[in-house]
Protein backbone atom coordinates (compact mmCIF):
# COMPACT_ATOMS: atom_id res chain seq x y z
CA MET A 1 83.87 -17.22 145.54
CA ALA A 2 87.09 -18.24 143.84
CA GLY A 3 88.07 -21.43 145.71
CA THR A 4 88.92 -21.43 149.40
CA ASP A 5 91.98 -19.16 149.20
CA ALA A 6 90.31 -16.10 147.72
CA ALA A 7 86.95 -14.48 147.17
CA GLU A 8 86.06 -12.11 144.37
CA ILE A 9 83.73 -9.29 145.34
CA GLU A 10 81.93 -7.26 142.72
CA VAL A 11 81.40 -3.73 143.95
CA ASP A 12 80.80 -0.43 142.21
CA GLY A 13 81.65 -1.93 138.81
CA ARG A 14 84.98 -3.31 139.99
CA THR A 15 86.21 -6.72 141.07
CA VAL A 16 88.17 -6.83 144.31
CA ARG A 17 90.01 -10.04 145.09
CA LEU A 18 89.97 -10.88 148.79
CA THR A 19 92.71 -13.28 149.83
CA ASN A 20 92.40 -15.44 152.95
CA PRO A 21 88.67 -14.65 153.28
CA GLY A 22 88.21 -17.26 156.01
CA ARG A 23 90.86 -15.84 158.32
CA VAL A 24 89.30 -15.10 161.70
CA TYR A 25 89.70 -11.41 162.50
CA PHE A 26 87.44 -11.11 165.57
CA SER A 27 87.87 -13.78 168.21
CA ALA A 28 84.76 -13.19 170.34
CA ARG A 29 82.35 -14.64 167.76
CA GLY A 30 84.73 -15.76 165.04
CA GLU A 31 83.94 -13.26 162.28
CA THR A 32 86.31 -13.44 159.35
CA LYS A 33 87.92 -11.11 156.86
CA LEU A 34 85.06 -11.89 154.47
CA ASP A 35 82.52 -11.04 157.17
CA LEU A 36 84.28 -7.69 157.59
CA ALA A 37 84.01 -7.02 153.86
CA HIS A 38 80.31 -7.94 153.88
CA TYR A 39 79.74 -5.56 156.80
CA TYR A 40 81.29 -2.65 154.92
CA LEU A 41 79.20 -3.50 151.86
CA ALA A 42 76.08 -3.41 154.03
CA VAL A 43 76.86 0.15 155.20
CA ALA A 44 78.52 1.26 151.97
CA ASP A 45 76.81 4.64 151.56
CA GLY A 46 77.47 5.56 155.19
CA ILE A 47 81.13 4.61 155.31
CA VAL A 48 81.82 6.34 152.01
CA ARG A 49 80.06 9.49 153.22
CA ALA A 50 82.25 9.46 156.33
CA LEU A 51 85.49 9.03 154.35
CA ARG A 52 84.79 10.71 151.03
CA GLU A 53 87.81 12.56 149.67
CA ARG A 54 89.53 12.80 153.05
CA PRO A 55 93.11 11.74 153.75
CA CYS A 56 92.66 8.51 155.66
CA MET A 57 94.92 6.54 157.95
CA MET A 58 94.37 2.79 157.74
CA HIS A 59 94.61 0.73 160.93
CA ARG A 60 95.56 -2.71 159.67
CA PHE A 61 95.51 -6.03 161.52
CA PRO A 62 97.21 -8.56 159.19
CA SER A 63 96.56 -11.53 161.49
CA GLY A 64 93.33 -10.32 163.11
CA VAL A 65 92.63 -7.90 165.92
CA ASP A 66 94.32 -10.04 168.56
CA GLY A 67 97.59 -9.62 166.68
CA GLU A 68 99.81 -6.76 165.60
CA LYS A 69 98.25 -3.42 164.70
CA VAL A 70 99.80 -1.41 161.86
CA HIS A 71 99.16 2.34 161.56
CA GLN A 72 99.38 2.92 157.81
CA LYS A 73 99.53 6.51 156.59
CA ARG A 74 101.04 5.81 153.19
CA LEU A 75 99.06 3.77 150.71
CA PRO A 76 100.51 0.25 150.60
CA LYS A 77 102.39 -0.73 147.47
CA GLY A 78 100.54 -2.65 144.81
CA ALA A 79 97.30 -0.69 145.00
CA PRO A 80 95.24 -0.72 141.79
CA ASP A 81 95.41 2.46 139.74
CA TRP A 82 91.78 3.29 140.49
CA VAL A 83 92.45 3.79 144.21
CA ARG A 84 92.98 7.52 144.71
CA THR A 85 95.40 9.14 147.13
CA VAL A 86 95.92 12.61 148.54
CA ARG A 87 99.35 13.96 149.45
CA VAL A 88 99.77 15.46 152.90
CA HIS A 89 102.80 17.13 154.43
CA PHE A 90 104.13 16.57 157.94
CA PRO A 91 106.12 19.70 158.83
CA ARG A 92 107.60 18.25 162.00
CA TYR A 93 109.48 15.64 159.95
CA ASN A 94 109.52 17.53 156.63
CA ARG A 95 108.00 14.47 154.96
CA THR A 96 104.99 13.77 152.80
CA ALA A 97 102.66 10.81 152.54
CA ASP A 98 100.19 9.75 149.88
CA GLU A 99 97.22 8.65 151.98
CA LEU A 100 94.15 6.69 150.97
CA CYS A 101 91.39 8.94 149.57
CA VAL A 102 88.11 7.02 149.45
CA THR A 103 85.65 7.89 146.71
CA SER A 104 83.66 4.67 146.36
CA PRO A 105 82.79 1.41 148.18
CA ALA A 106 85.37 -0.42 146.06
CA ASP A 107 88.12 1.60 147.77
CA VAL A 108 86.86 0.45 151.17
CA ILE A 109 86.76 -3.21 150.16
CA TRP A 110 90.24 -2.94 148.67
CA ALA A 111 91.41 -1.56 152.04
CA VAL A 112 89.82 -4.57 153.74
CA GLN A 113 91.83 -6.78 151.40
CA MET A 114 94.88 -5.00 152.80
CA SER A 115 93.71 -6.08 156.30
CA THR A 116 92.29 -2.68 157.23
CA VAL A 117 89.77 -2.85 160.06
CA GLU A 118 89.64 0.79 161.20
CA PHE A 119 89.40 3.94 159.06
CA HIS A 120 90.70 7.18 160.59
CA PRO A 121 90.08 10.15 158.27
CA TRP A 122 91.22 13.74 158.57
CA ASN A 123 88.63 16.42 159.23
CA SER A 124 89.55 18.12 155.95
CA ARG A 125 89.27 17.06 152.33
CA ALA A 126 91.61 16.57 149.40
CA ALA A 127 90.56 19.82 147.70
CA ASP A 128 92.08 21.81 150.59
CA VAL A 129 93.78 19.61 153.15
CA GLU A 130 94.74 22.60 155.33
CA THR A 131 91.15 23.82 155.83
CA PRO A 132 88.89 21.60 157.96
CA ASP A 133 85.21 21.20 157.14
CA GLU A 134 84.41 19.15 160.23
CA TRP A 135 84.43 20.04 163.93
CA ARG A 136 84.78 16.99 166.18
CA ILE A 137 83.56 16.80 169.78
CA ASP A 138 85.11 13.85 171.63
CA LEU A 139 83.66 12.73 174.96
CA ASP A 140 86.51 10.73 176.44
CA PRO A 141 85.78 9.13 179.85
CA MET A 142 88.44 9.00 182.51
CA PRO A 143 89.13 5.57 184.09
CA GLY A 144 86.15 4.24 185.99
CA VAL A 145 83.60 6.43 184.22
CA GLU A 146 80.66 4.43 182.86
CA PHE A 147 78.46 5.20 179.88
CA PRO A 148 75.58 6.73 181.92
CA THR A 149 77.93 9.62 182.71
CA ILE A 150 78.71 9.98 179.03
CA ARG A 151 74.97 10.22 178.39
CA ARG A 152 74.62 13.05 180.93
CA VAL A 153 77.44 15.01 179.33
CA ALA A 154 76.03 14.34 175.85
CA ALA A 155 72.77 15.98 176.93
CA VAL A 156 74.65 19.15 177.87
CA VAL A 157 76.59 19.04 174.59
CA HIS A 158 73.29 18.77 172.70
CA GLU A 159 71.83 21.67 174.68
CA VAL A 160 74.75 23.99 173.89
CA LEU A 161 74.76 22.98 170.22
CA ASP A 162 71.05 23.76 169.97
CA GLU A 163 71.59 27.20 171.49
CA LEU A 164 74.32 27.88 168.95
CA GLY A 165 72.11 26.71 166.08
CA ALA A 166 74.55 23.91 165.25
CA VAL A 167 73.41 20.45 164.17
CA GLY A 168 75.46 17.72 165.80
CA PHE A 169 75.62 14.13 164.60
CA PRO A 170 76.39 11.80 167.52
CA LYS A 171 77.97 8.37 167.30
CA THR A 172 79.46 5.85 169.67
CA SER A 173 83.24 5.81 169.58
CA GLY A 174 83.30 2.03 169.40
CA GLY A 175 84.98 2.13 172.79
CA LYS A 176 83.73 3.75 175.99
CA GLY A 177 83.09 7.25 174.67
CA LEU A 178 80.94 9.25 172.30
CA HIS A 179 81.74 11.53 169.36
CA VAL A 180 79.67 14.36 167.91
CA TYR A 181 80.47 15.75 164.47
CA VAL A 182 79.45 19.15 163.12
CA ARG A 183 79.99 20.29 159.55
CA ILE A 184 81.58 23.74 159.25
CA ARG A 185 82.43 26.05 156.42
CA PRO A 186 85.92 25.22 155.10
CA GLU A 187 87.32 28.68 155.75
CA HIS A 188 89.25 28.33 159.01
CA SER A 189 92.64 26.90 159.93
CA PHE A 190 93.14 23.88 162.18
CA THR A 191 94.27 26.25 164.93
CA GLU A 192 91.06 28.27 164.67
CA VAL A 193 88.86 25.18 164.69
CA ARG A 194 90.72 23.94 167.73
CA ARG A 195 90.26 27.27 169.51
CA ALA A 196 86.54 27.18 168.78
CA ALA A 197 86.35 23.60 170.03
CA LEU A 198 88.02 24.63 173.30
CA ALA A 199 85.61 27.54 173.78
CA PHE A 200 82.69 25.14 173.29
CA ALA A 201 84.20 22.56 175.65
CA ARG A 202 84.69 25.19 178.36
CA GLU A 203 81.05 26.20 178.10
CA VAL A 204 79.99 22.58 178.54
CA GLU A 205 82.41 22.31 181.47
CA ARG A 206 80.85 25.41 183.06
CA ARG A 207 77.38 23.88 182.82
CA ALA A 208 78.41 20.44 184.04
CA PRO A 209 80.82 21.07 186.93
CA GLY A 210 82.29 17.91 188.34
CA LEU A 211 81.29 15.94 185.26
CA VAL A 212 83.40 17.56 182.53
CA THR A 213 87.03 18.60 182.30
CA THR A 214 88.95 20.45 179.62
CA ALA A 215 92.33 20.05 181.36
CA TRP A 216 94.95 18.94 178.85
CA TRP A 217 97.24 17.15 181.30
CA ARG A 218 95.80 13.91 182.63
CA LYS A 219 97.20 14.64 186.11
CA ASP A 220 95.04 17.77 186.23
CA ARG A 221 91.76 15.97 185.47
CA GLU A 222 89.45 15.14 188.32
CA PRO A 223 88.62 11.45 188.75
CA GLY A 224 85.17 10.51 187.50
CA THR A 225 85.05 13.20 184.82
CA VAL A 226 84.66 13.17 181.06
CA PHE A 227 87.42 14.90 179.12
CA LEU A 228 86.06 16.95 176.22
CA ASP A 229 89.06 16.41 173.99
CA TRP A 230 89.13 19.64 172.02
CA ASN A 231 92.61 18.72 170.79
CA GLN A 232 91.13 16.13 168.43
CA ASN A 233 90.72 19.07 166.04
CA THR A 234 94.48 19.53 165.73
CA ARG A 235 96.01 18.98 162.30
CA ASP A 236 96.67 15.28 161.57
CA HIS A 237 94.78 14.09 164.65
CA THR A 238 92.30 11.45 163.58
CA ILE A 239 89.62 9.32 165.19
CA ALA A 240 87.63 6.39 163.86
CA SER A 241 85.00 7.43 161.35
CA ALA A 242 81.28 6.80 161.51
CA TYR A 243 80.62 3.14 160.64
CA SER A 244 84.26 2.19 161.15
CA VAL A 245 84.78 -1.15 162.83
CA ARG A 246 87.11 -1.02 165.83
CA GLY A 247 89.93 -3.44 166.51
CA THR A 248 88.17 -5.27 169.33
CA PRO A 249 87.44 -9.00 169.63
CA GLU A 250 83.71 -8.18 169.59
CA ALA A 251 84.04 -6.20 166.31
CA ARG A 252 82.42 -3.12 167.79
CA VAL A 253 81.39 -0.36 165.40
CA SER A 254 81.52 3.41 165.79
CA ALA A 255 77.77 3.69 165.28
CA PRO A 256 75.81 6.83 164.39
CA LEU A 257 72.85 7.51 166.68
CA ARG A 258 69.80 9.73 166.76
CA TRP A 259 69.88 12.08 169.73
CA ASP A 260 66.79 10.38 171.14
CA GLU A 261 68.69 7.08 171.17
CA VAL A 262 71.62 8.29 173.26
CA ASP A 263 69.85 7.73 176.60
CA ASP A 264 69.35 4.04 175.88
CA ALA A 265 72.44 3.29 173.78
CA GLU A 266 75.01 0.76 174.93
CA PRO A 267 78.29 0.78 172.98
CA GLY A 268 78.52 -3.00 173.00
CA ASP A 269 75.21 -3.30 171.15
CA PHE A 270 76.75 -2.08 167.88
CA THR A 271 78.92 -4.66 166.14
CA ILE A 272 79.37 -6.05 162.64
CA ALA A 273 76.85 -8.72 163.65
CA THR A 274 74.10 -6.21 164.53
CA MET A 275 74.78 -3.15 162.38
CA PRO A 276 73.70 -4.46 158.95
CA ALA A 277 70.14 -5.08 160.16
CA ARG A 278 70.08 -1.74 161.99
CA TYR A 279 71.36 0.06 158.90
CA ALA A 280 68.72 -1.62 156.73
CA GLN A 281 66.06 -0.44 159.18
CA VAL A 282 67.12 3.14 160.02
CA GLY A 283 69.35 3.99 157.05
CA ASP A 284 72.39 6.22 157.20
CA LEU A 285 71.91 8.50 160.21
CA THR A 286 74.65 10.81 158.90
CA ASP A 287 72.62 11.56 155.78
CA GLY A 288 72.20 15.34 155.70
CA ILE A 289 75.42 16.17 157.53
CA ASP A 290 76.93 17.84 154.46
CA GLU A 291 73.98 20.23 154.26
CA ALA A 292 73.91 21.13 157.98
CA VAL A 293 76.80 23.60 157.87
CA PHE A 294 77.57 25.71 160.94
CA ASP A 295 79.29 29.10 160.93
CA LEU A 296 82.17 28.72 163.39
CA ARG A 297 82.68 32.46 163.77
CA VAL A 298 80.29 32.68 166.72
CA LEU A 299 82.52 30.32 168.72
CA LEU A 300 85.69 32.06 167.58
CA GLU A 301 84.26 35.36 168.81
CA GLN A 302 83.46 33.70 172.13
CA ALA A 303 87.00 32.31 172.31
CA ASP A 304 88.48 35.77 171.69
CA ARG A 305 86.17 37.42 174.20
CA ASP A 306 86.31 34.93 177.05
CA TYR A 307 89.45 32.86 176.73
CA GLY A 308 92.04 34.39 174.45
CA VAL A 309 94.37 32.04 172.61
CA PRO A 310 94.95 28.75 174.45
CA ASP A 311 98.40 27.43 175.12
CA GLU A 312 99.47 24.83 172.61
CA PRO A 313 99.69 21.40 174.21
CA PRO A 314 102.78 19.34 173.41
CA GLU A 315 102.73 17.10 170.37
CA VAL A 316 101.95 13.54 171.30
């Protein structure tokens, strides 16, 4: 600790200076900026695995999560020269941005110094930004839907993944939903991954009528259903990574789960206060994801056979 106005954190052979370490970021229990840094150190291997070499949007809360939220695509000025970036292009605006590209825990702690709470990575990596290596399944509850319904849909998702021979890695969203990630071979475009995701979602919808919807427009979704948001696989769409803290007063975490934990999981149980002990006990539950690679062609063939090419939803 370097006085009361700053803390110096030694991580990965580097010293990161944390200013205003005592600033309260999470009002429910009073956790501070320094507490946030200590949380990310406690899950360092997991958060780095989730972010490694991916373009990453930083969700910053300069005065804590009850204050203004800043969506930061471009790396803030003044970053040390050891923090890597990856350049991405946004065709709609004909602009580029040099986004954070995490390679070590020191990068994460530096981002915390810049008031980053949430990390939202792309589902592709710096070596080939235009070719995803991750398929994301997002169980997004409609208003009024409680987590027991999410659990029921997750069971169907797991069933279909097993039949496909795909290994899914579930995690809480840190909100009211659930995410499942599947590693894929980096040989398909964003459009192809999205088409495959829609074909999968429609199969889950077929098996869980009245529980699941794939309708893009909210007005077309039945009340009480879970939207399988296949569009999260669109280029430049990002969701909070595994182990990312969410900008909630309770400091909820997007927490990886074992499949046998889903039936008893409660999203509010996973916070920066509880996750370090859980991580020390169960380890990184995403360990092995990079080796469990699924061939997406089987879903693309199903999409061609059963559904054709879906209409493109509007950009939002």
